[in-house]
Amino acid sequence: MISIIVPVYKVEKYLTRCIDSVINQTFTDFELILVDDGSTDGTVDILKSYEEKYKNIIPEDDLDGNRTISYLGNTKNNIKYKSNNRIE
């Protein structure tokens, strides 16, 4: 399995195209980790909708700076959504 990490910030207009382009690849053994940096547009809603449909899409927020990326590096594939320092 490979991990694809995509930073996102206020990209509501482009996010669906980005995620769909990864999902539609012939290689399917991946997890897609999308790290949001506090978007105030519809980005988070899009991330949550994909998370509900695909178990290998993992939205994260990065409101603590780069600590989210460090945290992900120290865990396996068991994170679903991290918000305000809580795992839900």
N, C-alpha and C. Protein backbone atom coordinates (compact mmCIF):
# COMPACT_ATOMS: atom_id res chain seq x y z
N MET A 1 0.84 -1.18 0.00
CA MET A 1 0.00 0.00 0.00
C MET A 1 0.89 1.24 0.00
N ILE A 2 0.44 2.25 -0.74
CA ILE A 2 1.12 3.53 -0.71
C ILE A 2 0.18 4.57 -0.10
N SER A 3 0.78 5.60 0.48
CA SER A 3 0.02 6.71 1.03
C SER A 3 0.23 7.93 0.15
N ILE A 4 -0.86 8.56 -0.21
CA ILE A 4 -0.81 9.79 -1.00
C ILE A 4 -1.30 10.90 -0.07
N ILE A 5 -0.44 11.88 0.19
CA ILE A 5 -0.79 12.97 1.09
C ILE A 5 -0.95 14.24 0.26
N VAL A 6 -2.13 14.86 0.37
CA VAL A 6 -2.43 16.06 -0.40
C VAL A 6 -2.82 17.19 0.57
N PRO A 7 -2.03 18.25 0.63
CA PRO A 7 -2.45 19.40 1.44
C PRO A 7 -3.55 20.17 0.72
N VAL A 8 -4.59 20.59 1.45
CA VAL A 8 -5.68 21.34 0.84
C VAL A 8 -6.00 22.57 1.68
N TYR A 9 -6.33 23.66 1.00
CA TYR A 9 -6.74 24.89 1.68
C TYR A 9 -7.58 25.71 0.71
N LYS A 10 -8.85 25.86 1.03
CA LYS A 10 -9.79 26.62 0.20
C LYS A 10 -9.74 26.20 -1.27
N VAL A 11 -9.90 24.91 -1.50
CA VAL A 11 -9.83 24.38 -2.87
C VAL A 11 -11.13 23.70 -3.28
N GLU A 12 -12.23 24.19 -2.75
CA GLU A 12 -13.54 23.63 -3.06
C GLU A 12 -13.74 23.46 -4.57
N LYS A 13 -13.29 24.43 -5.33
CA LYS A 13 -13.49 24.44 -6.78
C LYS A 13 -12.76 23.29 -7.48
N TYR A 14 -11.63 22.83 -6.91
CA TYR A 14 -10.77 21.85 -7.58
C TYR A 14 -10.72 20.49 -6.89
N LEU A 15 -11.23 20.40 -5.67
CA LEU A 15 -11.00 19.22 -4.85
C LEU A 15 -11.64 17.95 -5.42
N THR A 16 -12.86 18.03 -5.89
CA THR A 16 -13.52 16.85 -6.46
C THR A 16 -12.73 16.29 -7.63
N ARG A 17 -12.25 17.16 -8.48
CA ARG A 17 -11.45 16.72 -9.64
C ARG A 17 -10.16 16.04 -9.17
N CYS A 18 -9.53 16.60 -8.16
CA CYS A 18 -8.29 16.02 -7.61
C CYS A 18 -8.54 14.62 -7.05
N ILE A 19 -9.55 14.51 -6.19
CA ILE A 19 -9.84 13.22 -5.56
C ILE A 19 -10.26 12.19 -6.60
N ASP A 20 -11.14 12.58 -7.51
CA ASP A 20 -11.59 11.65 -8.55
C ASP A 20 -10.44 11.17 -9.42
N SER A 21 -9.46 12.04 -9.68
CA SER A 21 -8.33 11.62 -10.51
C SER A 21 -7.51 10.53 -9.83
N VAL A 22 -7.43 10.57 -8.52
CA VAL A 22 -6.72 9.51 -7.78
C VAL A 22 -7.56 8.24 -7.74
N ILE A 23 -8.83 8.38 -7.42
CA ILE A 23 -9.73 7.22 -7.33
C ILE A 23 -9.81 6.46 -8.65
N ASN A 24 -9.76 7.16 -9.76
CA ASN A 24 -9.93 6.54 -11.07
C ASN A 24 -8.67 5.92 -11.66
N GLN A 25 -7.59 5.89 -10.90
CA GLN A 25 -6.37 5.24 -11.37
C GLN A 25 -6.55 3.72 -11.36
N THR A 26 -5.77 3.02 -12.14
CA THR A 26 -5.86 1.56 -12.16
C THR A 26 -5.21 0.95 -10.92
N PHE A 27 -4.27 1.64 -10.32
CA PHE A 27 -3.65 1.17 -9.08
C PHE A 27 -4.61 1.48 -7.93
N THR A 28 -4.97 0.48 -7.15
CA THR A 28 -5.99 0.69 -6.12
C THR A 28 -5.51 0.44 -4.70
N ASP A 29 -4.29 0.03 -4.52
CA ASP A 29 -3.79 -0.25 -3.17
C ASP A 29 -3.17 1.02 -2.57
N PHE A 30 -4.01 1.96 -2.19
CA PHE A 30 -3.53 3.24 -1.68
C PHE A 30 -4.47 3.76 -0.60
N GLU A 31 -3.94 4.69 0.17
CA GLU A 31 -4.77 5.51 1.04
C GLU A 31 -4.50 6.95 0.64
N LEU A 32 -5.55 7.73 0.59
CA LEU A 32 -5.45 9.13 0.19
C LEU A 32 -5.72 9.97 1.44
N ILE A 33 -4.69 10.65 1.91
CA ILE A 33 -4.78 11.48 3.11
C ILE A 33 -4.81 12.93 2.66
N LEU A 34 -5.90 13.60 2.94
CA LEU A 34 -6.07 15.00 2.53
C LEU A 34 -6.00 15.86 3.79
N VAL A 35 -4.99 16.71 3.88
CA VAL A 35 -4.75 17.50 5.08
C VAL A 35 -5.25 18.93 4.84
N ASP A 36 -6.33 19.28 5.54
CA ASP A 36 -6.92 20.61 5.41
C ASP A 36 -6.29 21.56 6.42
N ASP A 37 -5.98 22.75 5.98
CA ASP A 37 -5.33 23.75 6.83
C ASP A 37 -6.32 24.85 7.23
N GLY A 38 -7.53 24.44 7.64
CA GLY A 38 -8.50 25.40 8.13
C GLY A 38 -9.32 26.10 7.06
N SER A 39 -9.66 25.39 6.01
CA SER A 39 -10.46 25.98 4.95
C SER A 39 -11.79 26.51 5.48
N THR A 40 -12.23 27.63 4.92
CA THR A 40 -13.50 28.22 5.32
C THR A 40 -14.55 28.13 4.21
N ASP A 41 -14.20 27.48 3.11
CA ASP A 41 -15.16 27.28 2.02
C ASP A 41 -15.79 25.89 2.18
N GLY A 42 -16.23 25.27 1.15
CA GLY A 42 -16.87 23.96 1.22
C GLY A 42 -15.92 22.78 1.19
N THR A 43 -14.63 23.01 1.33
CA THR A 43 -13.63 21.95 1.26
C THR A 43 -13.91 20.84 2.26
N VAL A 44 -14.18 21.18 3.51
CA VAL A 44 -14.39 20.17 4.55
C VAL A 44 -15.61 19.31 4.24
N ASP A 45 -16.67 19.90 3.73
CA ASP A 45 -17.87 19.14 3.38
C ASP A 45 -17.56 18.13 2.28
N ILE A 46 -16.77 18.52 1.31
CA ILE A 46 -16.38 17.60 0.24
C ILE A 46 -15.55 16.46 0.81
N LEU A 47 -14.60 16.78 1.68
CA LEU A 47 -13.76 15.74 2.29
C LEU A 47 -14.61 14.74 3.05
N LYS A 48 -15.55 15.23 3.83
CA LYS A 48 -16.40 14.33 4.61
C LYS A 48 -17.27 13.45 3.72
N SER A 49 -17.76 14.00 2.61
CA SER A 49 -18.59 13.19 1.72
C SER A 49 -17.79 12.05 1.10
N TYR A 50 -16.54 12.29 0.75
CA TYR A 50 -15.70 11.22 0.20
C TYR A 50 -15.32 10.21 1.28
N GLU A 51 -15.09 10.69 2.50
CA GLU A 51 -14.75 9.79 3.59
C GLU A 51 -15.88 8.79 3.84
N GLU A 52 -17.12 9.25 3.70
CA GLU A 52 -18.27 8.37 3.91
C GLU A 52 -18.37 7.29 2.83
N LYS A 53 -17.91 7.59 1.62
CA LYS A 53 -18.03 6.65 0.50
C LYS A 53 -16.85 5.69 0.39
N TYR A 54 -15.64 6.14 0.77
CA TYR A 54 -14.42 5.37 0.52
C TYR A 54 -13.63 5.23 1.82
N LYS A 55 -13.34 3.99 2.20
CA LYS A 55 -12.61 3.79 3.45
C LYS A 55 -11.13 4.15 3.33
N ASN A 56 -10.61 4.28 2.12
CA ASN A 56 -9.19 4.61 1.95
C ASN A 56 -8.95 6.11 1.75
N ILE A 57 -9.99 6.93 1.94
CA ILE A 57 -9.82 8.38 1.90
C ILE A 57 -9.93 8.90 3.32
N ILE A 58 -8.89 9.60 3.75
CA ILE A 58 -8.78 10.01 5.14
C ILE A 58 -8.58 11.52 5.22
N PRO A 59 -9.62 12.26 5.55
CA PRO A 59 -9.43 13.70 5.73
C PRO A 59 -8.82 14.01 7.08
N GLU A 60 -7.96 14.98 7.12
CA GLU A 60 -7.30 15.43 8.35
C GLU A 60 -7.35 16.94 8.39
N ASP A 61 -7.38 17.51 9.59
CA ASP A 61 -7.16 18.95 9.67
C ASP A 61 -5.76 19.18 10.20
N ASP A 62 -5.17 20.28 9.82
CA ASP A 62 -3.80 20.60 10.23
C ASP A 62 -3.79 21.94 10.95
N LEU A 63 -4.74 22.13 11.86
CA LEU A 63 -4.82 23.39 12.57
C LEU A 63 -3.68 23.57 13.57
N ASP A 64 -2.97 22.49 13.87
CA ASP A 64 -1.84 22.55 14.79
C ASP A 64 -0.52 22.72 14.05
N GLY A 65 -0.54 23.11 12.82
CA GLY A 65 0.69 23.20 12.05
C GLY A 65 1.04 21.83 11.52
N ASN A 66 2.31 21.52 11.39
CA ASN A 66 2.73 20.26 10.79
C ASN A 66 2.68 19.08 11.74
N ARG A 67 2.14 19.24 12.93
CA ARG A 67 2.04 18.11 13.86
C ARG A 67 1.15 17.01 13.32
N THR A 68 0.14 17.35 12.53
CA THR A 68 -0.73 16.32 11.97
C THR A 68 0.07 15.39 11.07
N ILE A 69 0.92 15.94 10.24
CA ILE A 69 1.75 15.10 9.37
C ILE A 69 2.66 14.21 10.19
N SER A 70 3.27 14.75 11.24
CA SER A 70 4.13 13.94 12.11
C SER A 70 3.34 12.82 12.76
N TYR A 71 2.13 13.15 13.21
CA TYR A 71 1.28 12.16 13.86
C TYR A 71 0.94 11.03 12.88
N LEU A 72 0.62 11.39 11.66
CA LEU A 72 0.30 10.38 10.65
C LEU A 72 1.49 9.47 10.40
N GLY A 73 2.68 10.04 10.42
CA GLY A 73 3.87 9.24 10.20
C GLY A 73 4.12 8.22 11.29
N ASN A 74 3.54 8.44 12.46
CA ASN A 74 3.74 7.53 13.59
C ASN A 74 2.59 6.57 13.80
N THR A 75 1.63 6.55 12.91
CA THR A 75 0.48 5.65 13.05
C THR A 75 0.37 4.78 11.81
N LYS A 76 -0.52 3.82 11.89
CA LYS A 76 -0.79 2.97 10.72
C LYS A 76 -2.01 3.51 10.00
N ASN A 77 -2.81 2.66 9.42
CA ASN A 77 -3.94 3.08 8.60
C ASN A 77 -5.24 3.21 9.40
N ASN A 78 -5.17 3.44 10.69
CA ASN A 78 -6.39 3.37 11.49
C ASN A 78 -7.03 4.72 11.78
N ILE A 79 -6.55 5.80 11.25
CA ILE A 79 -7.14 7.11 11.50
C ILE A 79 -8.25 7.35 10.48
N LYS A 80 -9.38 7.78 10.94
CA LYS A 80 -10.46 8.13 10.03
C LYS A 80 -10.60 9.64 9.91
N TYR A 81 -10.66 10.33 11.03
CA TYR A 81 -10.78 11.77 10.98
C TYR A 81 -10.24 12.37 12.26
N LYS A 82 -9.38 13.34 12.16
CA LYS A 82 -8.80 13.97 13.33
C LYS A 82 -9.29 15.41 13.36
N SER A 83 -9.85 15.82 14.48
CA SER A 83 -10.36 17.16 14.61
C SER A 83 -10.09 17.68 16.01
N ASN A 84 -9.45 18.82 16.11
CA ASN A 84 -9.19 19.44 17.41
C ASN A 84 -8.52 18.49 18.39
N ASN A 85 -7.49 17.78 17.91
CA ASN A 85 -6.70 16.87 18.73
C ASN A 85 -7.47 15.68 19.26
N ARG A 86 -8.62 15.36 18.70
CA ARG A 86 -9.38 14.17 19.09
C ARG A 86 -9.51 13.26 17.87
N ILE A 87 -9.40 11.99 18.11
CA ILE A 87 -9.66 11.02 17.05
C ILE A 87 -11.12 10.61 17.15
N GLU A 88 -11.86 10.78 16.08
CA GLU A 88 -13.27 10.41 16.08
C GLU A 88 -13.47 9.15 15.26
